[in-house]
C-alpha atoms as a PDB file:
ATOM      1  CA  GLY A   1       0.000   0.000   0.000  1.00  0.00           C
ATOM      2  CA  HIS A   2       2.764   2.414   0.902  1.00  0.00           C
ATOM      3  CA  GLU A   3       4.646   1.804  -2.358  1.00  0.00           C
ATOM      4  CA  GLN A   4       1.441   2.210  -4.356  1.00  0.00           C
ATOM      5  CA  LEU A   5       0.615   5.456  -2.552  1.00  0.00           C
ATOM      6  CA  LEU A   6       4.126   6.729  -3.239  1.00  0.00           C
ATOM      7  CA  GLN A   7       3.771   5.771  -6.936  1.00  0.00           C
ATOM      8  CA  MET A   8       0.424   7.631  -7.171  1.00  0.00           C
ATOM      9  CA  MET A   9       1.927  10.702  -5.518  1.00  0.00           C
ATOM     10  CA  GLU A  10       4.843  10.662  -7.958  1.00  0.00           C
ATOM     11  CA  GLU A  11       2.468  10.393 -10.934  1.00  0.00           C
ATOM     12  CA  ARG A  12       0.369  13.269  -9.576  1.00  0.00           C
ATOM     13  CA  MET A  13       3.504  15.374  -9.084  1.00  0.00           C
ATOM     14  CA  MET A  14       4.637  14.677 -12.652  1.00  0.00           C
ATOM     15  CA  ASP A  15       1.136  15.560 -13.921  1.00  0.00           C
ATOM     16  CA  VAL A  16       1.162  18.794 -11.916  1.00  0.00           C
ATOM     17  CA  GLU A  17       4.654  19.655 -13.179  1.00  0.00           C
ATOM     18  CA  GLN A  18       3.550  19.040 -16.773  1.00  0.00           C
ATOM     19  CA  LYS A  19       0.494  21.264 -16.284  1.00  0.00           C
ATOM     20  CA  LEU A  20       2.672  23.947 -14.704  1.00  0.00           C
ATOM     21  CA  ARG A  21       5.052  23.848 -17.678  1.00  0.00           C
ATOM     22  CA  LEU A  22       2.077  24.209 -20.014  1.00  0.00           C
ATOM     23  CA  VAL A  23       0.703  27.142 -17.994  1.00  0.00           C
ATOM     24  CA  LYS A  24       4.164  28.743 -17.941  1.00  0.00           C
ATOM     25  CA  ARG A  25       4.423  28.387 -21.746  1.00  0.00           C
ATOM     26  CA  LEU A  26       0.933  29.871 -22.200  1.00  0.00           C
ATOM     27  CA  LEU A  27       1.788  32.750 -19.881  1.00  0.00           C
ATOM     28  CA  GLN A  28       5.028  33.416 -21.766  1.00  0.00           C
ATOM     29  CA  ASP A  29       3.100  33.468 -25.051  1.00  0.00           C
ATOM     30  CA  LYS A  30       0.659  35.951 -23.531  1.00  0.00           C
ATOM     31  CA  VAL A  31       3.545  38.119 -22.242  1.00  0.00           C
ATOM     32  CA  ASN A  32       5.099  38.134 -25.725  1.00  0.00           C
ATOM     33  CA  GLN A  33       1.740  39.007 -27.259  1.00  0.00           C
ATOM     34  CA  LEU A  34       1.246  41.877 -24.810  1.00  0.00           C
ATOM     35  CA  LYS A  35       4.783  43.182 -25.418  1.00  0.00           C
ATOM     36  CA  GLU A  36       4.099  43.189 -29.157  1.00  0.00           C
ATOM     37  CA  GLN A  37       0.781  44.988 -28.607  1.00  0.00           C
ATOM     38  CA  LEU A  38       2.500  47.570 -26.393  1.00  0.00           C
ATOM     39  CA  SER A  39       5.078  48.181 -29.106  1.00  0.00           C
ATOM     40  CA  LYS A  40       2.325  48.655 -31.707  1.00  0.00           C
ATOM     41  CA  ASN A  41       0.411  50.976 -29.364  1.00  0.00           C
ATOM     42  CA  THR A  42       3.541  53.038 -28.725  1.00  0.00           C
ATOM     43  CA  LYS A  43       4.117  53.420 -32.476  1.00  0.00           C
ATOM     44  CA  ALA A  44       0.451  54.302 -33.019  1.00  0.00           C
ATOM     45  CA  ASP A  45       0.622  56.863 -30.212  1.00  0.00           C
ATOM     46  CA  ALA A  46       3.660  58.499 -31.804  1.00  0.00           C
ATOM     47  CA  MET A  47       1.871  58.585 -35.163  1.00  0.00           C
ATOM     48  CA  VAL A  48      -1.195  60.198 -33.570  1.00  0.00           C
ATOM     49  CA  LYS A  49       1.012  62.861 -31.974  1.00  0.00           C
ATOM     50  CA  ASP A  50       2.736  63.511 -35.320  1.00  0.00           C
ATOM     51  CA  LEU A  51      -0.635  63.791 -37.053  1.00  0.00           C
ATOM     52  CA  TYR A  52      -1.871  66.169 -34.357  1.00  0.00           C
ATOM     53  CA  VAL A  53       1.143  68.447 -34.907  1.00  0.00           C
ATOM     54  CA  GLU A  54       0.799  68.209 -38.688  1.00  0.00           C
ATOM     55  CA  ASN A  55      -2.915  69.021 -38.418  1.00  0.00           C
ATOM     56  CA  ALA A  56      -2.146  72.110 -36.322  1.00  0.00           C
ATOM     57  CA  GLN A  57       0.398  73.242 -38.930  1.00  0.00           C
ATOM     58  CA  LEU A  58      -2.089  72.681 -41.753  1.00  0.00           C
ATOM     59  CA  LEU A  59      -4.775  74.635 -39.896  1.00  0.00           C
ATOM     60  CA  LYS A  60      -2.348  77.543 -39.453  1.00  0.00           C
ATOM     61  CA  ALA A  61      -1.394  77.394 -43.148  1.00  0.00           C
ATOM     62  CA  LEU A  62      -5.086  77.369 -44.079  1.00  0.00           C
ATOM     63  CA  GLU A  63      -5.714  80.383 -41.849  1.00  0.00           C
ATOM     64  CA  VAL A  64      -2.834  82.281 -43.487  1.00  0.00           C
ATOM     65  CA  THR A  65      -4.065  81.299 -46.971  1.00  0.00           C
ATOM     66  CA  GLU A  66      -7.609  82.433 -46.169  1.00  0.00           C
ATOM     67  CA  GLN A  67      -6.253  85.759 -44.892  1.00  0.00           C
ATOM     68  CA  ARG A  68      -4.221  86.209 -48.081  1.00  0.00           C
ATOM     69  CA  GLN A  69      -7.301  85.389 -50.153  1.00  0.00           C
ATOM     70  CA  LYS A  70      -9.339  88.041 -48.301  1.00  0.00           C
ATOM     71  CA  THR A  71      -6.559  90.580 -48.862  1.00  0.00           C
ATOM     72  CA  ALA A  72      -6.368  89.684 -52.556  1.00  0.00           C
ATOM     73  CA  GLU A  73     -10.154  90.004 -52.863  1.00  0.00           C
ATOM     74  CA  ARG A  74     -10.046  93.472 -51.241  1.00  0.00           C
ATOM     75  CA  LYS A  75      -7.235  94.572 -53.556  1.00  0.00           C
ATOM     76  CA  ASN A  76      -9.132  93.139 -56.539  1.00  0.00           C
ATOM     77  CA  TYR A  77     -12.259  95.078 -55.532  1.00  0.00           C
ATOM     78  CA  LEU A  78     -10.278  98.322 -55.198  1.00  0.00           C
ATOM     79  CA  LEU A  79      -8.624  97.729 -58.597  1.00  0.00           C
ATOM     80  CA  GLU A  80     -12.017  97.106 -60.177  1.00  0.00           C
ATOM     81  CA  GLU A  81     -13.266 100.412 -58.691  1.00  0.00           C
ATOM     82  CA  LYS A  82     -10.201 102.225 -60.059  1.00  0.00           C
ATOM     83  CA  ILE A  83     -10.743 100.669 -63.495  1.00  0.00           C
ATOM     84  CA  ALA A  84     -14.399 101.739 -63.447  1.00  0.00           C
ATOM     85  CA  ASN A  85     -13.341 105.283 -62.469  1.00  0.00           C
ATOM     86  CA  LEU A  86     -10.678 105.371 -65.172  1.00  0.00           C
ATOM     87  CA  ASN A  87     -13.201 104.129 -67.737  1.00  0.00           C
ATOM     88  CA  ARG A  88     -15.569 106.931 -66.682  1.00  0.00           C
ATOM     89  CA  ILE A  89     -12.778 109.493 -67.032  1.00  0.00           C
ATOM     90  CA  VAL A  90     -11.812 108.170 -70.475  1.00  0.00           C
ATOM     91  CA  LYS A  91     -15.460 108.180 -71.525  1.00  0.00           C
ATOM     92  CA  ASN A  92     -15.854 111.758 -70.311  1.00  0.00           C
ATOM     93  CA  LEU A  93     -12.672 112.826 -72.109  1.00  0.00           C
ATOM     94  CA  ALA A  94     -13.844 111.191 -75.305  1.00  0.00           C
ATOM     95  CA  SER A  95     -17.364 112.612 -75.149  1.00  0.00           C
ATOM     96  CA  PRO A  96     -18.316 115.371 -77.653  1.00  0.00           C
ATOM     97  CA  SER A  97     -19.128 117.804 -74.846  1.00  0.00           C
ATOM     98  CA  PHE A  98     -15.486 118.903 -74.988  1.00  0.00           C
ATOM     99  CA  SER A  99     -15.433 121.183 -77.986  1.00  0.00           C
ATOM    100  CA  PRO A 100     -12.288 122.990 -79.040  1.00  0.00           C
END
């Protein structure tokens, strides 16, 4: 009986050790998977930060471009007024009301 009990205990210990090795291997796989995910997340985080900075730069460039467009439109309007005035002057100069 004692020998048999000892044999059963040894078999149980070997079974437990095998299960522990399996659990250890599974845990190591999970650790590797999580490390890989962390690396991907870190890269993604850096990309998001870069995109945020680039977006801020693009918004500033858009603001400057819109301001330049408004300025160009104002200048264009003033030039059109000057052209209209010059056309009126030329028309008045060319009209027959000026007799020598």
